[in-house]
Amino acid sequence: DQYDNFVVHSDQTGAALGNVSGQRTLSETIADNGGLKTSFRAYHEYLKKFPSQYTEEAGDKLFYLSFAQLWCVKNTDSSLRASLSRNYPPGRFRVTGALQNNAEFTRVFKCPIDSTLNPSKKCLLWE
């Protein structure tokens, strides 16, 4: 249900172009969610051997910002429409969905419960 509720809007006009298909994109969104959680844990394991110049809070925020920037693109309407029939959602929804389901992200950024990036109902496959 979570990804089915993502409405894809035009980057140019803001018009609704369609909805992401949660069923079609399931394998990619599972990978995005699991990959983000696993890479954050790996990042903290790395810090045990190679301490950061940043505070833990700043380093964690930079980690999540780097993840989000990976998918930051400006799309044409035709590319967004085409993405509706692919097995992966547009980048902004790969970011939004994975962050909404990530408890560490909401802790780091102190997102209020039931805000856009911290819904009270999260999709968790494993802890």
C-alpha atoms as a PDB file:
ATOM      1  CA  ASP A   1       0.000   0.000   0.000  1.00  0.00           C
ATOM      2  CA  GLN A   2       2.800   2.422   0.860  1.00  0.00           C
ATOM      3  CA  TYR A   3       4.270   2.655  -2.630  1.00  0.00           C
ATOM      4  CA  ASP A   4       0.857   2.465  -4.341  1.00  0.00           C
ATOM      5  CA  ASN A   5       0.020   5.740  -2.589  1.00  0.00           C
ATOM      6  CA  PHE A   6       2.961   7.584  -4.153  1.00  0.00           C
ATOM      7  CA  VAL A   7       1.603   9.916  -6.839  1.00  0.00           C
ATOM      8  CA  VAL A   8       4.092  10.753  -9.591  1.00  0.00           C
ATOM      9  CA  HIS A   9       3.919  14.440 -10.535  1.00  0.00           C
ATOM     10  CA  SER A  10       5.475  16.276 -13.454  1.00  0.00           C
ATOM     11  CA  ASP A  11       8.688  18.107 -12.573  1.00  0.00           C
ATOM     12  CA  GLN A  12       7.658  20.812 -15.060  1.00  0.00           C
ATOM     13  CA  THR A  13       3.931  21.378 -14.412  1.00  0.00           C
ATOM     14  CA  GLY A  14       3.162  19.553 -11.180  1.00  0.00           C
ATOM     15  CA  ALA A  15       0.379  17.606 -12.914  1.00  0.00           C
ATOM     16  CA  ALA A  16      -0.300  14.090 -11.635  1.00  0.00           C
ATOM     17  CA  LEU A  17       0.995  11.508 -14.125  1.00  0.00           C
ATOM     18  CA  GLY A  18       0.016   8.330 -12.259  1.00  0.00           C
ATOM     19  CA  ASN A  19       0.857   6.235  -9.225  1.00  0.00           C
ATOM     20  CA  VAL A  20       3.794   3.983  -8.471  1.00  0.00           C
ATOM     21  CA  SER A  21       2.871   0.286  -8.547  1.00  0.00           C
ATOM     22  CA  GLY A  22       3.918  -1.243  -5.242  1.00  0.00           C
ATOM     23  CA  GLN A  23       3.493  -4.752  -6.635  1.00  0.00           C
ATOM     24  CA  ARG A  24       5.560  -4.141  -9.776  1.00  0.00           C
ATOM     25  CA  THR A  25       8.357  -2.379  -7.891  1.00  0.00           C
ATOM     26  CA  LEU A  26       8.394  -4.697  -4.865  1.00  0.00           C
ATOM     27  CA  SER A  27      11.750  -6.394  -5.509  1.00  0.00           C
ATOM     28  CA  GLU A  28      13.537  -3.068  -6.017  1.00  0.00           C
ATOM     29  CA  THR A  29      11.930  -1.411  -3.020  1.00  0.00           C
ATOM     30  CA  ILE A  30      12.850  -4.362  -0.806  1.00  0.00           C
ATOM     31  CA  ALA A  31      16.434  -3.973  -2.036  1.00  0.00           C
ATOM     32  CA  ASP A  32      16.369  -0.207  -1.417  1.00  0.00           C
ATOM     33  CA  ASN A  33      15.007  -0.582   2.109  1.00  0.00           C
ATOM     34  CA  GLY A  34      17.338  -3.438   3.054  1.00  0.00           C
ATOM     35  CA  GLY A  35      20.336  -1.866   1.362  1.00  0.00           C
ATOM     36  CA  LEU A  36      19.899   1.415   3.202  1.00  0.00           C
ATOM     37  CA  LYS A  37      19.588  -0.308   6.568  1.00  0.00           C
ATOM     38  CA  THR A  38      22.568  -2.604   5.898  1.00  0.00           C
ATOM     39  CA  SER A  39      24.810   0.153   4.556  1.00  0.00           C
ATOM     40  CA  PHE A  40      24.091   2.349   7.598  1.00  0.00           C
ATOM     41  CA  ARG A  41      25.148  -0.515   9.871  1.00  0.00           C
ATOM     42  CA  ALA A  42      28.266  -1.082   7.757  1.00  0.00           C
ATOM     43  CA  TYR A  43      29.066   2.638   7.960  1.00  0.00           C
ATOM     44  CA  HIS A  44      28.995   2.425  11.764  1.00  0.00           C
ATOM     45  CA  GLU A  45      31.210  -0.676  11.730  1.00  0.00           C
ATOM     46  CA  TYR A  46      33.667   1.261   9.543  1.00  0.00           C
ATOM     47  CA  LEU A  47      33.668   4.135  12.045  1.00  0.00           C
ATOM     48  CA  LYS A  48      34.837   1.763  14.785  1.00  0.00           C
ATOM     49  CA  LYS A  49      38.130   1.308  12.906  1.00  0.00           C
ATOM     50  CA  PHE A  50      38.340   4.683  11.198  1.00  0.00           C
ATOM     51  CA  PRO A  51      36.859   7.445  13.352  1.00  0.00           C
ATOM     52  CA  SER A  52      35.234  10.359  11.573  1.00  0.00           C
ATOM     53  CA  GLN A  53      36.210  14.005  11.784  1.00  0.00           C
ATOM     54  CA  TYR A  54      32.501  14.753  12.252  1.00  0.00           C
ATOM     55  CA  THR A  55      30.303  14.285  15.281  1.00  0.00           C
ATOM     56  CA  GLU A  56      28.193  11.132  15.152  1.00  0.00           C
ATOM     57  CA  GLU A  57      25.068  13.189  14.457  1.00  0.00           C
ATOM     58  CA  ALA A  58      26.689  15.158  11.626  1.00  0.00           C
ATOM     59  CA  GLY A  59      28.185  12.020  10.076  1.00  0.00           C
ATOM     60  CA  ASP A  60      24.855  10.210  10.225  1.00  0.00           C
ATOM     61  CA  LYS A  61      23.074  13.150   8.602  1.00  0.00           C
ATOM     62  CA  LEU A  62      25.684  13.271   5.841  1.00  0.00           C
ATOM     63  CA  PHE A  63      25.208   9.535   5.281  1.00  0.00           C
ATOM     64  CA  TYR A  64      21.480   9.941   4.670  1.00  0.00           C
ATOM     65  CA  LEU A  65      21.938  13.093   2.584  1.00  0.00           C
ATOM     66  CA  SER A  66      24.380  11.207   0.363  1.00  0.00           C
ATOM     67  CA  PHE A  67      21.825   8.427  -0.108  1.00  0.00           C
ATOM     68  CA  ALA A  68      19.149  10.939  -1.092  1.00  0.00           C
ATOM     69  CA  GLN A  69      21.437  12.814  -3.496  1.00  0.00           C
ATOM     70  CA  LEU A  70      22.144   9.584  -5.341  1.00  0.00           C
ATOM     71  CA  TRP A  71      18.568   9.675  -6.692  1.00  0.00           C
ATOM     72  CA  CYS A  72      18.271  13.457  -7.179  1.00  0.00           C
ATOM     73  CA  VAL A  73      17.424  14.084 -10.842  1.00  0.00           C
ATOM     74  CA  LYS A  74      15.171  16.315 -12.926  1.00  0.00           C
ATOM     75  CA  ASN A  75      12.849  14.175 -15.037  1.00  0.00           C
ATOM     76  CA  THR A  76      10.967  14.782 -18.236  1.00  0.00           C
ATOM     77  CA  ASP A  77       7.288  13.879 -18.275  1.00  0.00           C
ATOM     78  CA  SER A  78       7.975  11.130 -20.788  1.00  0.00           C
ATOM     79  CA  SER A  79      10.631   9.528 -18.563  1.00  0.00           C
ATOM     80  CA  LEU A  80       8.298   9.678 -15.555  1.00  0.00           C
ATOM     81  CA  ARG A  81       5.419   8.141 -17.534  1.00  0.00           C
ATOM     82  CA  ALA A  82       7.752   5.389 -18.750  1.00  0.00           C
ATOM     83  CA  SER A  83       8.881   4.743 -15.171  1.00  0.00           C
ATOM     84  CA  LEU A  84       5.299   3.861 -14.226  1.00  0.00           C
ATOM     85  CA  SER A  85       5.606   0.633 -16.208  1.00  0.00           C
ATOM     86  CA  ARG A  86       9.093  -0.309 -14.973  1.00  0.00           C
ATOM     87  CA  ASN A  87      10.134  -2.548 -12.095  1.00  0.00           C
ATOM     88  CA  TYR A  88      11.518   0.333 -10.057  1.00  0.00           C
ATOM     89  CA  PRO A  89       9.944   3.570  -8.885  1.00  0.00           C
ATOM     90  CA  PRO A  90      11.230   7.027  -9.836  1.00  0.00           C
ATOM     91  CA  GLY A  91      14.216   8.089  -7.732  1.00  0.00           C
ATOM     92  CA  ARG A  92      12.357  10.441  -5.409  1.00  0.00           C
ATOM     93  CA  PHE A  93      10.112   7.562  -4.314  1.00  0.00           C
ATOM     94  CA  ARG A  94      13.041   5.201  -3.860  1.00  0.00           C
ATOM     95  CA  VAL A  95      14.354   7.767  -1.377  1.00  0.00           C
ATOM     96  CA  THR A  96      11.043   8.637   0.267  1.00  0.00           C
ATOM     97  CA  GLY A  97       9.941   5.020   0.696  1.00  0.00           C
ATOM     98  CA  ALA A  98      13.245   3.802   2.106  1.00  0.00           C
ATOM     99  CA  LEU A  99      13.538   6.745   4.506  1.00  0.00           C
ATOM    100  CA  GLN A 100       9.929   6.402   5.688  1.00  0.00           C
ATOM    101  CA  ASN A 101      10.673   2.828   6.723  1.00  0.00           C
ATOM    102  CA  ASN A 102      14.020   3.585   8.368  1.00  0.00           C
ATOM    103  CA  ALA A 103      13.883   4.117  12.137  1.00  0.00           C
ATOM    104  CA  GLU A 104      17.519   5.260  12.291  1.00  0.00           C
ATOM    105  CA  PHE A 105      16.814   8.047   9.788  1.00  0.00           C
ATOM    106  CA  THR A 106      13.875   9.327  11.814  1.00  0.00           C
ATOM    107  CA  ARG A 107      16.001   9.217  14.977  1.00  0.00           C
ATOM    108  CA  VAL A 108      18.906  11.082  13.382  1.00  0.00           C
ATOM    109  CA  PHE A 109      16.704  13.822  11.908  1.00  0.00           C
ATOM    110  CA  LYS A 110      14.228  13.851  14.827  1.00  0.00           C
ATOM    111  CA  CYS A 111      11.246  13.510  12.487  1.00  0.00           C
ATOM    112  CA  PRO A 112       7.933  13.924  14.321  1.00  0.00           C
ATOM    113  CA  ILE A 113       5.707  10.834  14.373  1.00  0.00           C
ATOM    114  CA  ASP A 114       3.190  10.850  11.515  1.00  0.00           C
ATOM    115  CA  SER A 115       5.177  13.435   9.550  1.00  0.00           C
ATOM    116  CA  THR A 116       5.860  12.778   5.849  1.00  0.00           C
ATOM    117  CA  LEU A 117       9.121  10.929   6.485  1.00  0.00           C
ATOM    118  CA  ASN A 118       8.066   9.257   9.739  1.00  0.00           C
ATOM    119  CA  PRO A 119       4.700   7.562   9.339  1.00  0.00           C
ATOM    120  CA  SER A 120       3.612   5.621  12.403  1.00  0.00           C
ATOM    121  CA  LYS A 121       3.012   2.571  10.182  1.00  0.00           C
ATOM    122  CA  LYS A 122       6.294   1.345   8.702  1.00  0.00           C
ATOM    123  CA  CYS A 123       7.044  -1.588   6.438  1.00  0.00           C
ATOM    124  CA  LEU A 124       9.793  -3.651   8.087  1.00  0.00           C
ATOM    125  CA  LEU A 125      11.033  -6.955   6.709  1.00  0.00           C
ATOM    126  CA  TRP A 126      13.592  -7.601   9.427  1.00  0.00           C
ATOM    127  CA  GLU A 127      15.213  -5.811  12.340  1.00  0.00           C
END
